[in-house]
Amino acid sequence: MQVLLIIREDAHRNLGGDTIQMLKTKAALEDLGVSVQARGTDQMADLPACDLSHVFNIQTAESSWAAFQSLQRAGMPTVLSSIYWDMLEHDFEFAVTQRARWRLLARTLGKSRARELYISWQRRKAPLKAKWQTQRRLLQHALRVLPNSQSEADLLQKTFALDDDFQDKVSVVPNGIDTDLFDPVPQPSRAFMQEHGWRDFVLQVGAISPVKNQLGLIEALYDLPVPLVFVGQPVAAMPEYAERCKARAAERGNVLFAGRLPHEELPGIYALAAVHALPSWRETPGLVSLEAAAAGCRVVTTSIGSTRDYFGDLAWYCHPDDLVSIRLAVEAALKASPLTTLRQRVLQKFTWQCAAEATLAAYQAALNPTRGAEGRV
């Protein structure tokens, strides 16, 4: 089988989860004997002859749809990795601080009820927007849709007002990890220990940004006597957020900002940590949380997104705007024994090999519509 993968044009300049998913899927498919080429959405001229094309990411709706149309004109069967979760809960937090009416509603009705009204209102307005309409067209016209969880599939159906038969063309393809880095169990990093002298800390790996909520983690654990380690670089567009985090961390003490580190160094740092905490505004499910689990680390994660599809009852959940819930989740994780069952679950179900096998099954279902039901994974 020959396959063409299509991703946003700046995917390699601005690395994101979609970039990683595409590159890892490509490599794992090639291991299965599939011939794979990859292009950006700006490289749609002179398309190669392929059996099937695979577009990544409906968040970049306009460019993804333009590429999709080019593939359709070329007569190429096309599937779609949606890579979607909305940010409405995060947007509500912004609205409460910036807009008087939502601030008043939050005070009058309570924050939870005001949040429900805000999200409902935004979803009612969404069909009037060009981006929503384009995203819906992508989902409707793709032969198969490959979300990263059933929760994502259900959200797509609800958000974009899709008929029940939408689920008939869904093939869930999980996110994954590199087993070579995590099996056998990684050894604690001697280099990190020698440089910093820390272990059994609370770790967060990820870009320093409001979405990842480092400041919320610092505030929630402000007076908890446990070291905090952040691995990741500030998002270029929001350097002021990183400065706020560092200022508050300096007041707390016992906080290390290690910057961005090579990926191959991360397993040994996960192995040094007691808990990996990611109280962010959405995760699907957070590749770093999967990696932390595979390294034997206890996992605290957000309740927003598809995290429960992956971790079930084997992680501790919190809400990003509830400092008490973050604190309680971290404290519970610190007191618990390491969960080997979560590590085993990740290594058995959430690897790039598993993702490639599910992707290939979706391709086969797209090319053989009479066997479509068999393509659901």
Protein backbone atom coordinates (compact mmCIF):
# COMPACT_ATOMS: atom_id res chain seq x y z
CA MET A 1 0.00 0.00 0.00
CA GLN A 2 1.19 3.53 -0.86
CA VAL A 3 -0.02 6.35 1.37
CA LEU A 4 0.36 10.15 1.30
CA LEU A 5 0.27 11.99 4.65
CA ILE A 6 -0.71 15.68 4.67
CA ILE A 7 -0.05 18.07 7.57
CA ARG A 8 0.00 21.85 8.10
CA GLU A 9 2.75 23.64 6.21
CA ASP A 10 4.63 24.87 9.31
CA ALA A 11 4.51 21.52 11.14
CA HIS A 12 8.28 21.06 11.10
CA ARG A 13 9.05 24.68 12.05
CA ASN A 14 6.51 24.79 14.88
CA LEU A 15 6.47 21.33 16.40
CA GLY A 16 3.21 20.28 17.98
CA GLY A 17 1.34 17.17 18.94
CA ASP A 18 0.08 16.80 15.37
CA THR A 19 3.68 16.85 14.09
CA ILE A 20 4.71 14.10 16.48
CA GLN A 21 1.63 12.03 15.69
CA MET A 22 2.26 12.28 11.95
CA LEU A 23 5.99 11.50 12.14
CA LYS A 24 5.57 8.58 14.55
CA THR A 25 2.67 7.19 12.53
CA LYS A 26 4.75 7.40 9.36
CA ALA A 27 7.69 5.52 10.91
CA ALA A 28 5.48 2.83 12.45
CA LEU A 29 3.50 2.34 9.22
CA GLU A 30 6.77 1.88 7.35
CA ASP A 31 7.72 -0.80 9.87
CA LEU A 32 4.50 -2.56 8.83
CA GLY A 33 5.56 -2.47 5.18
CA VAL A 34 3.49 0.54 4.06
CA SER A 35 5.14 2.94 1.62
CA VAL A 36 4.60 6.44 3.04
CA GLN A 37 5.26 9.95 1.76
CA ALA A 38 4.55 13.13 3.75
CA ARG A 39 3.81 16.66 2.52
CA GLY A 40 2.70 20.00 3.89
CA THR A 41 -0.61 21.56 2.92
CA ASP A 42 1.39 24.03 0.81
CA GLN A 43 2.84 21.21 -1.35
CA MET A 44 -0.23 19.97 -3.18
CA ALA A 45 1.08 20.31 -6.74
CA ASP A 46 2.21 17.20 -8.66
CA LEU A 47 0.72 14.72 -6.24
CA PRO A 48 2.24 11.23 -6.35
CA ALA A 49 0.16 8.23 -7.30
CA CYS A 50 -0.99 6.68 -4.02
CA ASP A 51 -3.68 4.30 -2.86
CA LEU A 52 -4.88 6.62 -0.15
CA SER A 53 -4.23 10.01 1.48
CA HIS A 54 -4.39 10.93 5.14
CA VAL A 55 -4.95 14.52 6.30
CA PHE A 56 -4.01 15.53 9.86
CA ASN A 57 -5.71 18.16 12.02
CA ILE A 58 -9.04 19.95 11.61
CA GLN A 59 -7.86 22.78 13.87
CA THR A 60 -6.09 24.22 10.80
CA ALA A 61 -9.40 24.12 9.01
CA GLU A 62 -8.84 26.34 5.96
CA SER A 63 -5.54 24.83 4.82
CA SER A 64 -6.66 21.28 5.63
CA TRP A 65 -9.82 21.75 3.56
CA ALA A 66 -7.89 23.25 0.63
CA ALA A 67 -5.56 20.23 0.68
CA PHE A 68 -8.55 17.90 1.01
CA GLN A 69 -10.13 19.41 -2.10
CA SER A 70 -6.89 18.96 -4.06
CA LEU A 71 -6.81 15.30 -3.06
CA GLN A 72 -10.44 14.86 -4.06
CA ARG A 73 -9.79 16.41 -7.47
CA ALA A 74 -6.93 13.95 -7.90
CA GLY A 75 -9.36 11.11 -7.17
CA MET A 76 -7.48 10.00 -4.08
CA PRO A 77 -9.45 8.33 -1.25
CA THR A 78 -8.90 10.40 1.89
CA VAL A 79 -9.11 9.75 5.63
CA LEU A 80 -8.81 12.32 8.40
CA SER A 81 -7.11 12.46 11.80
CA SER A 82 -9.21 15.07 13.56
CA ILE A 83 -6.84 15.87 16.48
CA TYR A 84 -9.57 17.93 18.13
CA TRP A 85 -10.67 19.11 21.51
CA ASP A 86 -12.27 22.46 22.17
CA MET A 87 -10.88 25.09 24.56
CA LEU A 88 -14.22 26.40 25.80
CA GLU A 89 -13.46 25.85 29.49
CA HIS A 90 -10.24 27.82 29.14
CA ASP A 91 -12.02 30.50 27.11
CA PHE A 92 -14.57 30.86 29.91
CA GLU A 93 -11.79 31.66 32.38
CA PHE A 94 -10.63 34.44 30.05
CA ALA A 95 -14.20 35.71 29.66
CA VAL A 96 -14.68 35.92 33.44
CA THR A 97 -11.59 38.10 33.81
CA GLN A 98 -12.17 40.28 30.74
CA ARG A 99 -15.93 40.62 30.29
CA ALA A 100 -18.20 42.19 32.89
CA ARG A 101 -21.33 40.21 32.05
CA TRP A 102 -19.67 36.83 32.50
CA ARG A 103 -17.96 38.02 35.67
CA LEU A 104 -21.37 39.10 37.00
CA LEU A 105 -22.97 35.79 36.04
CA ALA A 106 -20.18 33.87 37.75
CA ARG A 107 -20.74 35.86 40.95
CA THR A 108 -24.53 35.60 40.74
CA LEU A 109 -25.04 32.01 39.63
CA GLY A 110 -21.78 30.46 40.74
CA LYS A 111 -18.86 29.66 38.51
CA SER A 112 -19.94 26.15 37.55
CA ARG A 113 -23.37 27.24 36.34
CA ALA A 114 -21.93 30.28 34.54
CA ARG A 115 -19.42 27.99 32.81
CA GLU A 116 -22.22 25.72 31.60
CA LEU A 117 -24.10 28.71 30.17
CA TYR A 118 -20.98 30.05 28.48
CA ILE A 119 -20.14 26.74 26.83
CA SER A 120 -23.74 26.21 25.72
CA TRP A 121 -23.89 29.73 24.28
CA GLN A 122 -20.61 29.32 22.37
CA ARG A 123 -21.74 26.01 20.90
CA ARG A 124 -25.02 27.53 19.74
CA LYS A 125 -23.13 30.34 17.99
CA ALA A 126 -20.47 28.12 16.43
CA PRO A 127 -22.43 27.05 13.30
CA LEU A 128 -22.43 30.69 12.16
CA LYS A 129 -18.64 30.70 11.90
CA ALA A 130 -16.75 29.80 8.72
CA LYS A 131 -14.20 27.69 10.60
CA TRP A 132 -16.91 25.50 12.15
CA GLN A 133 -18.53 25.01 8.75
CA THR A 134 -15.20 24.03 7.17
CA GLN A 135 -14.36 21.62 9.97
CA ARG A 136 -17.77 20.02 9.58
CA ARG A 137 -17.21 19.59 5.83
CA LEU A 138 -13.91 17.83 6.52
CA LEU A 139 -15.58 15.42 8.91
CA GLN A 140 -18.46 14.78 6.51
CA HIS A 141 -16.36 14.20 3.39
CA ALA A 142 -13.59 12.03 4.84
CA LEU A 143 -14.04 8.34 4.10
CA ARG A 144 -13.01 7.57 7.67
CA VAL A 145 -12.27 9.75 10.70
CA LEU A 146 -9.45 8.70 13.03
CA PRO A 147 -9.84 10.42 16.43
CA ASN A 148 -7.48 9.59 19.29
CA SER A 149 -10.28 8.39 21.58
CA GLN A 150 -13.95 7.53 21.63
CA SER A 151 -14.49 10.62 23.79
CA GLU A 152 -13.09 12.71 20.93
CA ALA A 153 -15.41 10.98 18.46
CA ASP A 154 -18.40 11.71 20.70
CA LEU A 155 -17.35 15.36 21.09
CA LEU A 156 -16.97 15.72 17.30
CA GLN A 157 -20.45 14.34 16.74
CA LYS A 158 -21.95 16.70 19.34
CA THR A 159 -19.96 19.81 18.46
CA PHE A 160 -20.48 19.58 14.70
CA ALA A 161 -24.08 18.35 14.77
CA LEU A 162 -23.30 15.13 12.91
CA ASP A 163 -25.80 12.32 12.40
CA ASP A 164 -25.50 9.08 14.33
CA ASP A 165 -24.09 7.33 11.27
CA PHE A 166 -20.93 9.43 11.72
CA GLN A 167 -19.84 6.85 14.30
CA ASP A 168 -19.96 4.16 11.60
CA LYS A 169 -16.93 5.67 9.91
CA VAL A 170 -14.92 6.27 13.08
CA SER A 171 -11.72 4.31 13.70
CA VAL A 172 -10.19 5.23 17.05
CA VAL A 173 -6.40 5.45 16.74
CA PRO A 174 -4.62 5.92 20.09
CA ASN A 175 -1.71 8.19 20.76
CA GLY A 176 1.43 6.32 21.72
CA ILE A 177 4.95 6.18 23.07
CA ASP A 178 8.29 4.87 21.82
CA THR A 179 8.67 1.51 23.51
CA ASP A 180 12.43 1.53 22.85
CA LEU A 181 12.79 4.34 25.40
CA PHE A 182 10.56 2.82 28.09
CA ASP A 183 10.94 -0.95 27.93
CA PRO A 184 12.68 -2.11 30.04
CA VAL A 185 11.94 0.37 32.83
CA PRO A 186 14.20 3.44 32.43
CA GLN A 187 16.94 3.95 34.99
CA PRO A 188 17.02 7.23 36.96
CA SER A 189 19.17 9.87 35.27
CA ARG A 190 22.58 10.06 36.92
CA ALA A 191 23.42 13.23 34.99
CA PHE A 192 20.33 15.01 36.35
CA MET A 193 21.08 13.82 39.88
CA GLN A 194 24.69 14.97 39.66
CA GLU A 195 23.69 18.39 38.31
CA HIS A 196 20.72 19.11 40.57
CA GLY A 197 20.77 16.54 43.39
CA TRP A 198 16.98 16.10 43.29
CA ARG A 199 14.73 13.06 43.15
CA ASP A 200 11.18 12.14 44.25
CA PHE A 201 9.95 15.50 42.98
CA VAL A 202 6.72 16.56 41.28
CA LEU A 203 7.50 16.87 37.57
CA GLN A 204 5.77 18.53 34.65
CA VAL A 205 7.06 18.18 31.09
CA GLY A 206 5.57 20.59 28.57
CA ALA A 207 5.76 24.04 27.03
CA ILE A 208 5.45 26.83 29.60
CA SER A 209 2.04 28.28 28.74
CA PRO A 210 -1.33 29.11 30.35
CA VAL A 211 -2.85 26.02 28.70
CA LYS A 212 -0.45 23.74 30.60
CA ASN A 213 -1.16 25.69 33.80
CA GLN A 214 2.26 25.67 35.46
CA LEU A 215 1.25 28.67 37.55
CA GLY A 216 -1.77 26.80 38.87
CA LEU A 217 0.44 23.89 39.91
CA ILE A 218 2.86 26.22 41.71
CA GLU A 219 0.01 27.94 43.55
CA ALA A 220 -1.69 24.67 44.47
CA LEU A 221 1.53 23.25 45.94
CA TYR A 222 2.87 26.55 47.27
CA ASP A 223 3.30 25.39 50.87
CA LEU A 224 3.74 21.66 50.18
CA PRO A 225 7.33 20.69 51.01
CA VAL A 226 8.11 18.84 47.79
CA PRO A 227 10.42 19.99 44.98
CA LEU A 228 8.86 20.99 41.65
CA VAL A 229 10.63 20.46 38.32
CA PHE A 230 9.43 21.93 35.03
CA VAL A 231 10.94 20.67 31.78
CA GLY A 232 10.03 22.72 28.72
CA GLN A 233 10.56 26.09 27.15
CA PRO A 234 8.24 29.12 27.24
CA VAL A 235 5.80 29.54 24.37
CA ALA A 236 7.34 32.26 22.21
CA ALA A 237 4.12 34.28 21.99
CA MET A 238 3.66 34.46 25.79
CA PRO A 239 7.01 35.12 27.50
CA GLU A 240 5.25 37.11 30.23
CA TYR A 241 3.50 33.95 31.48
CA ALA A 242 6.82 32.20 31.99
CA GLU A 243 8.09 35.23 33.90
CA ARG A 244 5.05 35.15 36.20
CA CYS A 245 5.65 31.45 36.84
CA LYS A 246 9.32 31.99 37.63
CA ALA A 247 8.59 34.93 39.94
CA ARG A 248 6.06 32.94 41.94
CA ALA A 249 8.39 29.92 41.96
CA ALA A 250 11.20 32.07 43.37
CA GLU A 251 8.91 33.12 46.23
CA ARG A 252 7.98 29.49 46.90
CA GLY A 253 11.49 28.10 46.56
CA ASN A 254 12.45 24.54 45.70
CA VAL A 255 11.40 24.93 42.05
CA LEU A 256 13.59 24.14 39.03
CA PHE A 257 12.97 25.28 35.46
CA ALA A 258 15.20 22.95 33.44
CA GLY A 259 14.30 24.28 29.99
CA ARG A 260 13.78 22.07 26.98
CA LEU A 261 15.76 18.81 27.07
CA PRO A 262 16.42 16.19 24.38
CA HIS A 263 13.63 13.64 24.22
CA GLU A 264 15.98 10.74 24.87
CA GLU A 265 16.90 12.26 28.26
CA LEU A 266 13.32 12.38 29.51
CA PRO A 267 12.84 8.70 30.52
CA GLY A 268 15.59 8.98 33.13
CA ILE A 269 14.03 12.17 34.53
CA TYR A 270 10.56 10.60 34.68
CA ALA A 271 12.19 7.74 36.59
CA LEU A 272 13.52 10.19 39.19
CA ALA A 273 10.13 11.82 39.76
CA ALA A 274 7.54 10.70 42.27
CA VAL A 275 4.60 12.22 40.37
CA HIS A 276 4.05 13.73 36.97
CA ALA A 277 1.37 16.44 37.21
CA LEU A 278 -0.34 18.00 34.19
CA PRO A 279 -3.32 20.10 35.40
CA SER A 280 -3.85 21.64 31.96
CA TRP A 281 -6.91 22.99 30.19
CA ARG A 282 -7.18 20.02 27.83
CA GLU A 283 -5.23 16.86 27.04
CA THR A 284 -5.85 14.12 24.51
CA PRO A 285 -4.36 12.60 26.65
CA GLY A 286 -0.95 14.28 26.87
CA LEU A 287 1.93 12.30 25.39
CA VAL A 288 4.12 13.25 28.36
CA SER A 289 1.59 11.68 30.74
CA LEU A 290 1.76 8.44 28.75
CA GLU A 291 5.55 8.56 28.86
CA ALA A 292 5.59 9.26 32.60
CA ALA A 293 3.29 6.30 33.20
CA ALA A 294 5.50 4.06 31.06
CA ALA A 295 8.50 5.10 33.17
CA GLY A 296 6.68 3.98 36.32
CA CYS A 297 5.70 7.45 37.49
CA ARG A 298 2.39 8.15 39.21
CA VAL A 299 0.22 10.41 37.03
CA VAL A 300 -1.90 13.41 37.97
CA THR A 301 -3.78 14.78 34.98
CA THR A 302 -6.58 17.09 33.96
CA SER A 303 -10.18 15.97 33.87
CA ILE A 304 -10.69 17.90 30.59
CA GLY A 305 -10.17 15.90 27.42
CA SER A 306 -9.77 12.20 26.73
CA THR A 307 -7.57 11.40 29.72
CA ARG A 308 -9.97 8.87 31.25
CA ASP A 309 -10.08 6.89 27.98
CA TYR A 310 -6.37 6.26 28.46
CA PHE A 311 -5.75 6.15 32.21
CA GLY A 312 -9.08 4.93 33.56
CA ASP A 313 -8.96 4.63 37.35
CA LEU A 314 -5.16 4.38 37.40
CA ALA A 315 -4.44 8.14 37.54
CA TRP A 316 -5.47 11.06 39.75
CA TYR A 317 -7.65 13.74 38.17
CA CYS A 318 -8.02 17.46 38.85
CA HIS A 319 -9.63 20.54 37.32
CA PRO A 320 -7.27 23.31 36.22
CA ASP A 321 -9.17 26.18 37.85
CA ASP A 322 -9.57 24.35 41.18
CA LEU A 323 -6.36 24.66 43.20
CA VAL A 324 -7.78 22.46 45.92
CA SER A 325 -8.45 19.63 43.47
CA ILE A 326 -4.89 19.94 42.11
CA ARG A 327 -3.44 19.86 45.63
CA LEU A 328 -5.54 16.88 46.72
CA ALA A 329 -4.73 14.90 43.57
CA VAL A 330 -0.98 15.47 43.96
CA GLU A 331 -1.03 14.65 47.67
CA ALA A 332 -2.97 11.44 47.03
CA ALA A 333 -0.55 10.42 44.29
CA LEU A 334 2.47 11.13 46.50
CA LYS A 335 1.07 8.90 49.23
CA ALA A 336 0.21 6.04 46.88
CA SER A 337 2.46 3.17 45.89
CA PRO A 338 3.75 3.18 42.28
CA LEU A 339 1.21 1.58 39.94
CA THR A 340 2.82 -1.06 37.74
CA THR A 341 -0.62 -1.74 36.25
CA LEU A 342 -0.67 1.69 34.57
CA ARG A 343 2.76 1.12 33.06
CA GLN A 344 1.62 -2.26 31.73
CA ARG A 345 -1.58 -0.72 30.32
CA VAL A 346 0.38 1.92 28.41
CA LEU A 347 2.92 -0.55 27.02
CA GLN A 348 0.18 -2.94 25.90
CA LYS A 349 -2.32 -0.47 24.41
CA PHE A 350 -0.72 2.92 23.75
CA THR A 351 2.39 2.53 21.63
CA TRP A 352 3.10 3.82 18.14
CA GLN A 353 3.01 0.24 16.91
CA CYS A 354 -0.56 -0.08 18.25
CA ALA A 355 -1.41 3.25 16.61
CA ALA A 356 0.02 2.12 13.26
CA GLU A 357 -1.91 -1.15 13.36
CA ALA A 358 -5.15 0.73 14.07
CA THR A 359 -4.34 3.24 11.33
CA LEU A 360 -3.67 0.50 8.79
CA ALA A 361 -6.98 -1.17 9.71
CA ALA A 362 -8.72 2.17 9.11
CA TYR A 363 -7.03 2.49 5.70
CA GLN A 364 -8.21 -0.98 4.74
CA ALA A 365 -11.75 -0.16 5.86
CA ALA A 366 -11.69 3.06 3.80
CA LEU A 367 -10.56 1.19 0.70
CA ASN A 368 -13.04 -1.65 1.27
CA PRO A 369 -16.30 0.07 2.30
CA THR A 370 -18.22 -3.20 2.55
CA ARG A 371 -15.90 -4.11 5.43
CA GLY A 372 -16.26 -0.66 7.07
CA ALA A 373 -17.61 -1.98 10.32
CA GLU A 374 -14.47 -4.09 10.72
CA GLY A 375 -12.38 -0.92 10.58
CA ARG A 376 -13.71 0.36 13.89
CA VAL A 377 -10.93 -0.08 16.45
